[in-house]
Every structure is written in C-alpha cells, then in structure tokens.
Amino acid sequence: MSRHAIRKQLFMLLFRADFFGVDEIPEQEERFFTQKDIEDREKVVDLWAEDEPEEESEERFSEEDKKEISDKFHSIMEILPEIDGQLNEKMSGWSTDRIGKVELTILRIALYEMNEEKKVSCAVAINEAVELAKKYGTEKSAEFVNGVLAKFAHEG
C-alpha cells in the first residue's frame, strides 16, 4: 500500500476512536481489519466524499500494512492528550471539542507526523491532511486544516 493509502486507512481507523470508549478500541480495531472490503470501512466516514474508485492494492491488507496502520494508530492514541493540547493552544477561537470529528482526526494524524515521523516533511504532512479534508470534510475543511497546520509549520 502507498503511504497515501496507509494514511487514508489510518484516518478511517482513528476516526472511530472518538465514538467508542477506551475499552472498546481493541474490538473496533479488530473489526476494522476484518471488514470484508474497503467500501465497508469507508461507510463509517464517507458521508460527503465524492465517489472515487479505490486502488486495487487497497482491497486487502498485507500483514505489513496492518502492522504499520496499527502501530501508528497506537502511537497516536498514546500521545493523544499531548496532540490535543497542542491543537488547543494553536486554534484561535476553536478547541478540539468544538471542531468536527473529521477535521480533528485529520489534524491529529498530521500533527503526529509533523512531530514524530522524521521521514515525513511538514509540507507533505500538511498536503496529505488537506487532501483528506477535501475528500472527507466539508467545503471549508481543507482551508481550516491548512490554516491550523500552517501555525505549526512556522514554528519549526
């Protein structure tokens, strides 16, 4: 799977986290990886996205893909309070409990990548976040996500 496809699947898995209790996360993760195809997983978040054909390589997870997605998911979950704290500091007039779940999930992934993934540049993390926001967010999501992440990019 491409990095873009991994990121998209990570988004779909992490999106679930806000809707379930901590004790339900292992079951949700298992369900995510055992759903019969991508269309089933996308139904969870694909409320506004345009219909796009998926890459054939995304139809099944390799063990390597599962591990990468799962490892990143757990890494983000471990530092979620810190990520949300950083977001709350930078979002003027907004807080993590006030923004949409789609935008919040995208921001969490991008900030994690910007802070923790040395092989991902800030520009790539922001670009990928904006693309996810265009696909899964509202009309103004991409602009909002770009604006918030730009504040972090100018720091470092």
N, C-alpha and C. Protein backbone atom coordinates (compact mmCIF):
# COMPACT_ATOMS: atom_id res chain seq x y z
N MET A 1 0.84 -1.17 0.00
CA MET A 1 0.00 0.00 0.00
C MET A 1 0.88 1.24 0.00
N SER A 2 0.48 2.26 -0.70
CA SER A 2 1.23 3.51 -0.73
C SER A 2 1.10 4.22 0.61
N ARG A 3 1.98 5.19 0.84
CA ARG A 3 1.89 5.98 2.08
C ARG A 3 0.55 6.71 2.14
N HIS A 4 0.10 7.19 1.00
CA HIS A 4 -1.19 7.87 0.94
C HIS A 4 -2.31 6.92 1.36
N ALA A 5 -2.29 5.70 0.84
CA ALA A 5 -3.33 4.72 1.18
C ALA A 5 -3.25 4.33 2.66
N ILE A 6 -2.05 4.18 3.19
CA ILE A 6 -1.87 3.87 4.62
C ILE A 6 -2.46 5.00 5.46
N ARG A 7 -2.15 6.23 5.09
CA ARG A 7 -2.65 7.40 5.82
C ARG A 7 -4.18 7.44 5.80
N LYS A 8 -4.75 7.14 4.64
CA LYS A 8 -6.21 7.15 4.50
C LYS A 8 -6.84 6.08 5.39
N GLN A 9 -6.26 4.91 5.43
CA GLN A 9 -6.77 3.84 6.28
C GLN A 9 -6.60 4.19 7.77
N LEU A 10 -5.47 4.81 8.11
CA LEU A 10 -5.23 5.27 9.48
C LEU A 10 -6.31 6.28 9.87
N PHE A 11 -6.64 7.19 8.97
CA PHE A 11 -7.70 8.16 9.22
C PHE A 11 -9.01 7.44 9.54
N MET A 12 -9.36 6.44 8.74
CA MET A 12 -10.62 5.73 8.95
C MET A 12 -10.65 5.00 10.29
N LEU A 13 -9.52 4.45 10.69
CA LEU A 13 -9.44 3.75 11.98
C LEU A 13 -9.47 4.76 13.13
N LEU A 14 -8.67 5.79 13.05
CA LEU A 14 -8.60 6.78 14.13
C LEU A 14 -9.92 7.53 14.29
N PHE A 15 -10.63 7.72 13.20
CA PHE A 15 -11.93 8.40 13.24
C PHE A 15 -12.87 7.71 14.23
N ARG A 16 -12.80 6.41 14.32
CA ARG A 16 -13.66 5.63 15.21
C ARG A 16 -13.39 5.90 16.69
N ALA A 17 -12.17 6.29 17.00
CA ALA A 17 -11.75 6.40 18.40
C ALA A 17 -12.62 7.35 19.22
N ASP A 18 -13.11 8.42 18.62
CA ASP A 18 -13.92 9.38 19.36
C ASP A 18 -15.34 8.90 19.63
N PHE A 19 -15.73 7.82 19.02
CA PHE A 19 -17.10 7.35 19.15
C PHE A 19 -17.24 6.14 20.07
N PHE A 20 -16.11 5.64 20.57
CA PHE A 20 -16.14 4.44 21.40
C PHE A 20 -15.30 4.66 22.65
N GLY A 21 -15.65 3.98 23.70
CA GLY A 21 -14.87 4.03 24.93
C GLY A 21 -13.53 3.34 24.75
N VAL A 22 -12.61 3.66 25.64
CA VAL A 22 -11.26 3.09 25.57
C VAL A 22 -11.31 1.56 25.57
N ASP A 23 -12.21 1.00 26.35
CA ASP A 23 -12.31 -0.46 26.42
C ASP A 23 -12.84 -1.08 25.14
N GLU A 24 -13.45 -0.29 24.28
CA GLU A 24 -13.98 -0.80 23.01
C GLU A 24 -13.01 -0.66 21.84
N ILE A 25 -11.91 0.05 22.03
CA ILE A 25 -10.96 0.31 20.95
C ILE A 25 -10.37 -0.99 20.37
N PRO A 26 -9.93 -1.95 21.20
CA PRO A 26 -9.40 -3.19 20.60
C PRO A 26 -10.40 -3.90 19.69
N GLU A 27 -11.66 -3.95 20.11
CA GLU A 27 -12.68 -4.59 19.28
C GLU A 27 -12.89 -3.81 17.99
N GLN A 28 -12.90 -2.49 18.07
CA GLN A 28 -13.08 -1.66 16.88
C GLN A 28 -11.92 -1.84 15.91
N GLU A 29 -10.71 -1.93 16.45
CA GLU A 29 -9.55 -2.15 15.60
C GLU A 29 -9.64 -3.50 14.89
N GLU A 30 -10.02 -4.52 15.63
CA GLU A 30 -10.18 -5.85 15.04
C GLU A 30 -11.25 -5.84 13.95
N ARG A 31 -12.36 -5.20 14.22
CA ARG A 31 -13.44 -5.10 13.22
C ARG A 31 -12.97 -4.35 11.98
N PHE A 32 -12.20 -3.31 12.19
CA PHE A 32 -11.67 -2.52 11.08
C PHE A 32 -10.87 -3.40 10.13
N PHE A 33 -9.98 -4.20 10.69
CA PHE A 33 -9.11 -5.02 9.85
C PHE A 33 -9.79 -6.27 9.29
N THR A 34 -10.93 -6.64 9.81
CA THR A 34 -11.60 -7.84 9.31
C THR A 34 -12.80 -7.54 8.43
N GLN A 35 -13.18 -6.28 8.29
CA GLN A 35 -14.29 -5.97 7.39
C GLN A 35 -13.92 -6.44 5.99
N LYS A 36 -14.90 -6.92 5.27
CA LYS A 36 -14.61 -7.63 4.03
C LYS A 36 -13.97 -6.79 2.93
N ASP A 37 -14.20 -5.50 2.93
CA ASP A 37 -13.54 -4.69 1.92
C ASP A 37 -13.53 -3.22 2.32
N ILE A 38 -12.90 -2.45 1.54
CA ILE A 38 -12.74 -1.02 1.84
C ILE A 38 -14.08 -0.31 1.86
N GLU A 39 -15.00 -0.68 1.02
CA GLU A 39 -16.28 0.02 1.00
C GLU A 39 -16.96 -0.06 2.35
N ASP A 40 -16.87 -1.20 3.04
CA ASP A 40 -17.46 -1.31 4.37
C ASP A 40 -16.79 -0.35 5.34
N ARG A 41 -15.45 -0.25 5.28
CA ARG A 41 -14.73 0.65 6.19
C ARG A 41 -15.07 2.10 5.88
N GLU A 42 -15.17 2.43 4.60
CA GLU A 42 -15.42 3.82 4.23
C GLU A 42 -16.83 4.29 4.60
N LYS A 43 -17.78 3.39 4.73
CA LYS A 43 -19.13 3.78 5.10
C LYS A 43 -19.13 4.49 6.46
N VAL A 44 -18.15 4.19 7.29
CA VAL A 44 -18.07 4.81 8.61
C VAL A 44 -17.84 6.31 8.51
N VAL A 45 -17.06 6.78 7.53
CA VAL A 45 -16.70 8.20 7.47
C VAL A 45 -17.01 8.86 6.13
N ASP A 46 -17.41 8.10 5.16
CA ASP A 46 -17.54 8.63 3.80
C ASP A 46 -18.89 9.30 3.58
N LEU A 47 -19.21 10.28 4.41
CA LEU A 47 -20.52 10.92 4.33
C LEU A 47 -20.62 11.93 3.20
N TRP A 48 -19.52 12.65 2.93
CA TRP A 48 -19.57 13.73 1.95
C TRP A 48 -18.66 13.49 0.76
N ALA A 49 -17.87 12.46 0.82
CA ALA A 49 -16.86 12.26 -0.22
C ALA A 49 -17.51 11.92 -1.55
N GLU A 50 -16.85 12.36 -2.59
CA GLU A 50 -17.28 12.00 -3.94
C GLU A 50 -16.92 10.55 -4.17
N ASP A 51 -17.67 9.90 -5.03
CA ASP A 51 -17.35 8.51 -5.36
C ASP A 51 -16.09 8.47 -6.19
N GLU A 52 -15.12 7.73 -5.70
CA GLU A 52 -13.87 7.55 -6.43
C GLU A 52 -13.53 6.07 -6.41
N PRO A 53 -13.08 5.54 -7.51
CA PRO A 53 -12.66 4.14 -7.48
C PRO A 53 -11.42 3.99 -6.61
N GLU A 54 -11.39 2.94 -5.83
CA GLU A 54 -10.23 2.69 -4.97
C GLU A 54 -9.14 1.95 -5.75
N GLU A 55 -7.92 2.14 -5.28
CA GLU A 55 -6.81 1.41 -5.88
C GLU A 55 -7.01 -0.07 -5.59
N GLU A 56 -6.73 -0.90 -6.56
CA GLU A 56 -6.88 -2.34 -6.35
C GLU A 56 -6.02 -2.84 -5.21
N SER A 57 -4.86 -2.23 -5.01
CA SER A 57 -3.96 -2.68 -3.97
C SER A 57 -4.54 -2.47 -2.57
N GLU A 58 -5.60 -1.66 -2.45
CA GLU A 58 -6.19 -1.40 -1.15
C GLU A 58 -7.25 -2.43 -0.76
N GLU A 59 -7.59 -3.34 -1.63
CA GLU A 59 -8.68 -4.25 -1.35
C GLU A 59 -8.40 -5.16 -0.17
N ARG A 60 -7.17 -5.52 0.03
CA ARG A 60 -6.80 -6.37 1.16
C ARG A 60 -5.57 -5.78 1.83
N PHE A 61 -5.51 -5.96 3.14
CA PHE A 61 -4.34 -5.51 3.89
C PHE A 61 -3.29 -6.61 3.91
N SER A 62 -2.08 -6.26 3.61
CA SER A 62 -0.99 -7.20 3.86
C SER A 62 -0.70 -7.15 5.36
N GLU A 63 0.01 -8.12 5.85
CA GLU A 63 0.38 -8.11 7.27
C GLU A 63 1.24 -6.89 7.58
N GLU A 64 2.08 -6.51 6.64
CA GLU A 64 2.93 -5.32 6.82
C GLU A 64 2.07 -4.05 6.91
N ASP A 65 1.04 -3.95 6.06
CA ASP A 65 0.14 -2.80 6.09
C ASP A 65 -0.60 -2.74 7.42
N LYS A 66 -1.13 -3.89 7.86
CA LYS A 66 -1.84 -3.95 9.13
C LYS A 66 -0.96 -3.48 10.27
N LYS A 67 0.28 -3.95 10.27
CA LYS A 67 1.21 -3.59 11.34
C LYS A 67 1.50 -2.09 11.32
N GLU A 68 1.75 -1.54 10.15
CA GLU A 68 2.06 -0.11 10.06
C GLU A 68 0.87 0.74 10.51
N ILE A 69 -0.32 0.41 10.05
CA ILE A 69 -1.51 1.16 10.44
C ILE A 69 -1.75 1.03 11.94
N SER A 70 -1.68 -0.19 12.44
CA SER A 70 -1.91 -0.43 13.86
C SER A 70 -0.87 0.27 14.73
N ASP A 71 0.40 0.18 14.35
CA ASP A 71 1.46 0.83 15.13
C ASP A 71 1.26 2.34 15.20
N LYS A 72 0.94 2.94 14.07
CA LYS A 72 0.70 4.40 14.05
C LYS A 72 -0.54 4.75 14.86
N PHE A 73 -1.58 3.96 14.73
CA PHE A 73 -2.81 4.19 15.48
C PHE A 73 -2.51 4.20 16.98
N HIS A 74 -1.80 3.18 17.45
CA HIS A 74 -1.50 3.08 18.88
C HIS A 74 -0.54 4.19 19.34
N SER A 75 0.38 4.56 18.50
CA SER A 75 1.29 5.66 18.83
C SER A 75 0.52 6.96 18.99
N ILE A 76 -0.41 7.21 18.10
CA ILE A 76 -1.23 8.43 18.19
C ILE A 76 -2.10 8.38 19.44
N MET A 77 -2.72 7.24 19.70
CA MET A 77 -3.59 7.12 20.87
C MET A 77 -2.82 7.36 22.17
N GLU A 78 -1.57 6.91 22.21
CA GLU A 78 -0.75 7.08 23.41
C GLU A 78 -0.47 8.55 23.72
N ILE A 79 -0.31 9.35 22.69
CA ILE A 79 0.02 10.76 22.91
C ILE A 79 -1.13 11.70 22.55
N LEU A 80 -2.31 11.16 22.45
CA LEU A 80 -3.48 11.96 22.08
C LEU A 80 -3.68 13.19 22.98
N PRO A 81 -3.55 13.06 24.29
CA PRO A 81 -3.71 14.25 25.13
C PRO A 81 -2.71 15.37 24.78
N GLU A 82 -1.48 15.00 24.46
CA GLU A 82 -0.47 16.00 24.09
C GLU A 82 -0.81 16.63 22.74
N ILE A 83 -1.21 15.80 21.79
CA ILE A 83 -1.58 16.31 20.46
C ILE A 83 -2.75 17.28 20.60
N ASP A 84 -3.78 16.87 21.33
CA ASP A 84 -4.95 17.73 21.51
C ASP A 84 -4.58 19.01 22.25
N GLY A 85 -3.68 18.91 23.22
CA GLY A 85 -3.22 20.10 23.93
C GLY A 85 -2.53 21.08 23.00
N GLN A 86 -1.68 20.56 22.12
CA GLN A 86 -1.00 21.42 21.15
C GLN A 86 -2.01 22.07 20.21
N LEU A 87 -2.98 21.29 19.76
CA LEU A 87 -4.01 21.84 18.87
C LEU A 87 -4.80 22.95 19.58
N ASN A 88 -5.19 22.70 20.83
CA ASN A 88 -5.96 23.69 21.57
C ASN A 88 -5.19 24.99 21.77
N GLU A 89 -3.88 24.89 21.90
CA GLU A 89 -3.05 26.10 22.06
C GLU A 89 -3.02 26.93 20.78
N LYS A 90 -3.04 26.30 19.63
CA LYS A 90 -2.87 27.00 18.35
C LYS A 90 -4.16 27.44 17.68
N MET A 91 -5.26 26.80 18.01
CA MET A 91 -6.51 27.10 17.29
C MET A 91 -7.22 28.28 17.96
N SER A 92 -7.04 29.44 17.41
CA SER A 92 -7.67 30.65 17.95
C SER A 92 -9.19 30.55 17.81
N GLY A 93 -9.88 30.64 18.94
CA GLY A 93 -11.34 30.61 18.91
C GLY A 93 -11.94 29.23 18.74
N TRP A 94 -11.12 28.22 18.68
CA TRP A 94 -11.59 26.84 18.50
C TRP A 94 -10.96 25.96 19.55
N SER A 95 -11.56 24.81 19.78
CA SER A 95 -10.96 23.79 20.64
C SER A 95 -11.28 22.43 20.05
N THR A 96 -10.57 21.43 20.51
CA THR A 96 -10.75 20.09 19.95
C THR A 96 -12.14 19.54 20.20
N ASP A 97 -12.82 20.03 21.23
CA ASP A 97 -14.18 19.54 21.46
C ASP A 97 -15.23 20.33 20.68
N ARG A 98 -14.79 21.33 19.95
CA ARG A 98 -15.71 22.17 19.18
C ARG A 98 -15.64 21.96 17.67
N ILE A 99 -14.56 21.36 17.19
CA ILE A 99 -14.42 21.18 15.75
C ILE A 99 -14.98 19.81 15.33
N GLY A 100 -15.23 19.66 14.06
CA GLY A 100 -15.77 18.41 13.54
C GLY A 100 -14.81 17.25 13.73
N LYS A 101 -15.36 16.07 13.87
CA LYS A 101 -14.54 14.86 14.09
C LYS A 101 -13.64 14.55 12.89
N VAL A 102 -14.12 14.84 11.70
CA VAL A 102 -13.30 14.60 10.51
C VAL A 102 -12.06 15.48 10.57
N GLU A 103 -12.27 16.78 10.78
CA GLU A 103 -11.15 17.71 10.83
C GLU A 103 -10.21 17.39 11.99
N LEU A 104 -10.78 17.04 13.14
CA LEU A 104 -9.96 16.70 14.31
C LEU A 104 -9.08 15.49 14.03
N THR A 105 -9.65 14.48 13.44
CA THR A 105 -8.89 13.27 13.14
C THR A 105 -7.75 13.58 12.17
N ILE A 106 -8.03 14.35 11.16
CA ILE A 106 -7.01 14.73 10.17
C ILE A 106 -5.90 15.54 10.83
N LEU A 107 -6.27 16.50 11.66
CA LEU A 107 -5.27 17.31 12.36
C LEU A 107 -4.41 16.46 13.28
N ARG A 108 -5.01 15.51 13.97
CA ARG A 108 -4.25 14.63 14.87
C ARG A 108 -3.20 13.83 14.10
N ILE A 109 -3.59 13.28 12.97
CA ILE A 109 -2.64 12.50 12.17
C ILE A 109 -1.52 13.39 11.66
N ALA A 110 -1.86 14.54 11.12
CA ALA A 110 -0.85 15.44 10.56
C ALA A 110 0.11 15.93 11.64
N LEU A 111 -0.41 16.31 12.79
CA LEU A 111 0.46 16.79 13.86
C LEU A 111 1.36 15.67 14.37
N TYR A 112 0.82 14.47 14.46
CA TYR A 112 1.65 13.32 14.83
C TYR A 112 2.79 13.15 13.82
N GLU A 113 2.47 13.22 12.55
CA GLU A 113 3.51 13.07 11.52
C GLU A 113 4.54 14.19 11.60
N MET A 114 4.07 15.40 11.81
CA MET A 114 4.98 16.55 11.87
C MET A 114 5.93 16.46 13.07
N ASN A 115 5.43 15.92 14.18
CA ASN A 115 6.23 15.84 15.41
C ASN A 115 7.03 14.56 15.56
N GLU A 116 6.47 13.45 15.11
CA GLU A 116 7.04 12.13 15.42
C GLU A 116 7.65 11.38 14.24
N GLU A 117 7.19 11.65 13.04
CA GLU A 117 7.65 10.92 11.87
C GLU A 117 8.74 11.72 11.16
N LYS A 118 9.95 11.43 11.45
CA LYS A 118 11.07 12.20 10.89
C LYS A 118 11.17 12.07 9.37
N LYS A 119 10.66 10.98 8.82
CA LYS A 119 10.75 10.77 7.36
C LYS A 119 9.65 11.50 6.59
N VAL A 120 8.72 12.14 7.32
CA VAL A 120 7.64 12.88 6.69
C VAL A 120 7.88 14.37 6.92
N SER A 121 8.03 15.12 5.85
CA SER A 121 8.25 16.56 5.99
C SER A 121 6.94 17.25 6.38
N CYS A 122 7.06 18.42 6.96
CA CYS A 122 5.86 19.20 7.32
C CYS A 122 5.01 19.46 6.08
N ALA A 123 5.66 19.79 4.98
CA ALA A 123 4.93 20.10 3.75
C ALA A 123 4.10 18.90 3.28
N VAL A 124 4.68 17.72 3.35
CA VAL A 124 3.96 16.51 2.94
C VAL A 124 2.81 16.23 3.90
N ALA A 125 3.06 16.34 5.20
CA ALA A 125 2.01 16.09 6.20
C ALA A 125 0.84 17.04 5.98
N ILE A 126 1.14 18.32 5.73
CA ILE A 126 0.09 19.31 5.52
C ILE A 126 -0.66 19.02 4.22
N ASN A 127 0.07 18.75 3.15
CA ASN A 127 -0.56 18.46 1.87
C ASN A 127 -1.49 17.25 1.97
N GLU A 128 -1.03 16.20 2.60
CA GLU A 128 -1.85 14.99 2.74
C GLU A 128 -3.08 15.28 3.59
N ALA A 129 -2.92 16.08 4.65
CA ALA A 129 -4.05 16.43 5.50
C ALA A 129 -5.08 17.23 4.71
N VAL A 130 -4.63 18.17 3.91
CA VAL A 130 -5.53 18.98 3.10
C VAL A 130 -6.29 18.08 2.11
N GLU A 131 -5.59 17.13 1.51
CA GLU A 131 -6.25 16.22 0.57
C GLU A 131 -7.32 15.37 1.26
N LEU A 132 -7.01 14.87 2.46
CA LEU A 132 -8.02 14.11 3.22
C LEU A 132 -9.21 15.01 3.57
N ALA A 133 -8.93 16.25 3.93
CA ALA A 133 -10.01 17.18 4.28
C ALA A 133 -10.89 17.47 3.07
N LYS A 134 -10.29 17.57 1.90
CA LYS A 134 -11.09 17.79 0.68
C LYS A 134 -12.00 16.60 0.42
N LYS A 135 -11.49 15.40 0.65
CA LYS A 135 -12.28 14.20 0.36
C LYS A 135 -13.35 13.93 1.41
N TYR A 136 -13.00 14.08 2.68
CA TYR A 136 -13.92 13.65 3.74
C TYR A 136 -14.58 14.79 4.51
N GLY A 137 -14.09 16.00 4.35
CA GLY A 137 -14.63 17.11 5.12
C GLY A 137 -15.68 17.88 4.37
N THR A 138 -15.98 19.03 4.91
CA THR A 138 -16.95 19.93 4.30
C THR A 138 -16.23 20.86 3.33
N GLU A 139 -16.96 21.76 2.76
CA GLU A 139 -16.42 22.71 1.80
C GLU A 139 -15.24 23.53 2.36
N LYS A 140 -15.29 23.84 3.65
CA LYS A 140 -14.27 24.69 4.26
C LYS A 140 -13.21 23.92 5.05
N SER A 141 -13.32 22.61 5.09
CA SER A 141 -12.41 21.80 5.90
C SER A 141 -10.95 21.94 5.49
N ALA A 142 -10.68 21.90 4.20
CA ALA A 142 -9.29 21.95 3.73
C ALA A 142 -8.63 23.26 4.14
N GLU A 143 -9.35 24.35 3.99
CA GLU A 143 -8.82 25.66 4.37
C GLU A 143 -8.55 25.72 5.88
N PHE A 144 -9.47 25.19 6.67
CA PHE A 144 -9.31 25.18 8.13
C PHE A 144 -8.10 24.35 8.53
N VAL A 145 -8.01 23.14 8.01
CA VAL A 145 -6.90 22.23 8.33
C VAL A 145 -5.57 22.87 7.92
N ASN A 146 -5.52 23.43 6.74
CA ASN A 146 -4.30 24.08 6.26
C ASN A 146 -3.90 25.24 7.19
N GLY A 147 -4.86 26.04 7.59
CA GLY A 147 -4.59 27.18 8.46
C GLY A 147 -4.04 26.77 9.82
N VAL A 148 -4.64 25.76 10.41
CA VAL A 148 -4.17 25.28 11.72
C VAL A 148 -2.77 24.71 11.60
N LEU A 149 -2.56 23.85 10.62
CA LEU A 149 -1.25 23.20 10.48
C LEU A 149 -0.15 24.18 10.08
N ALA A 150 -0.50 25.22 9.36
CA ALA A 150 0.49 26.25 8.99
C ALA A 150 1.09 26.89 10.24
N LYS A 151 0.31 27.02 11.29
CA LYS A 151 0.81 27.60 12.54
C LYS A 151 1.91 26.74 13.14
N PHE A 152 1.80 25.44 12.98
CA PHE A 152 2.82 24.53 13.49
C PHE A 152 4.04 24.52 12.58
N ALA A 153 3.83 24.60 11.30
CA ALA A 153 4.94 24.58 10.33
C ALA A 153 5.84 25.80 10.51
N HIS A 154 5.25 26.95 10.87
CA HIS A 154 6.05 28.16 11.03
C HIS A 154 6.87 28.15 12.31
N GLU A 155 6.54 27.24 13.24
CA GLU A 155 7.32 27.11 14.48
C GLU A 155 8.69 26.53 14.22
N GLY A 156 8.68 25.45 13.43
CA GLY A 156 9.90 24.67 13.32
C GLY A 156 10.56 24.85 12.03
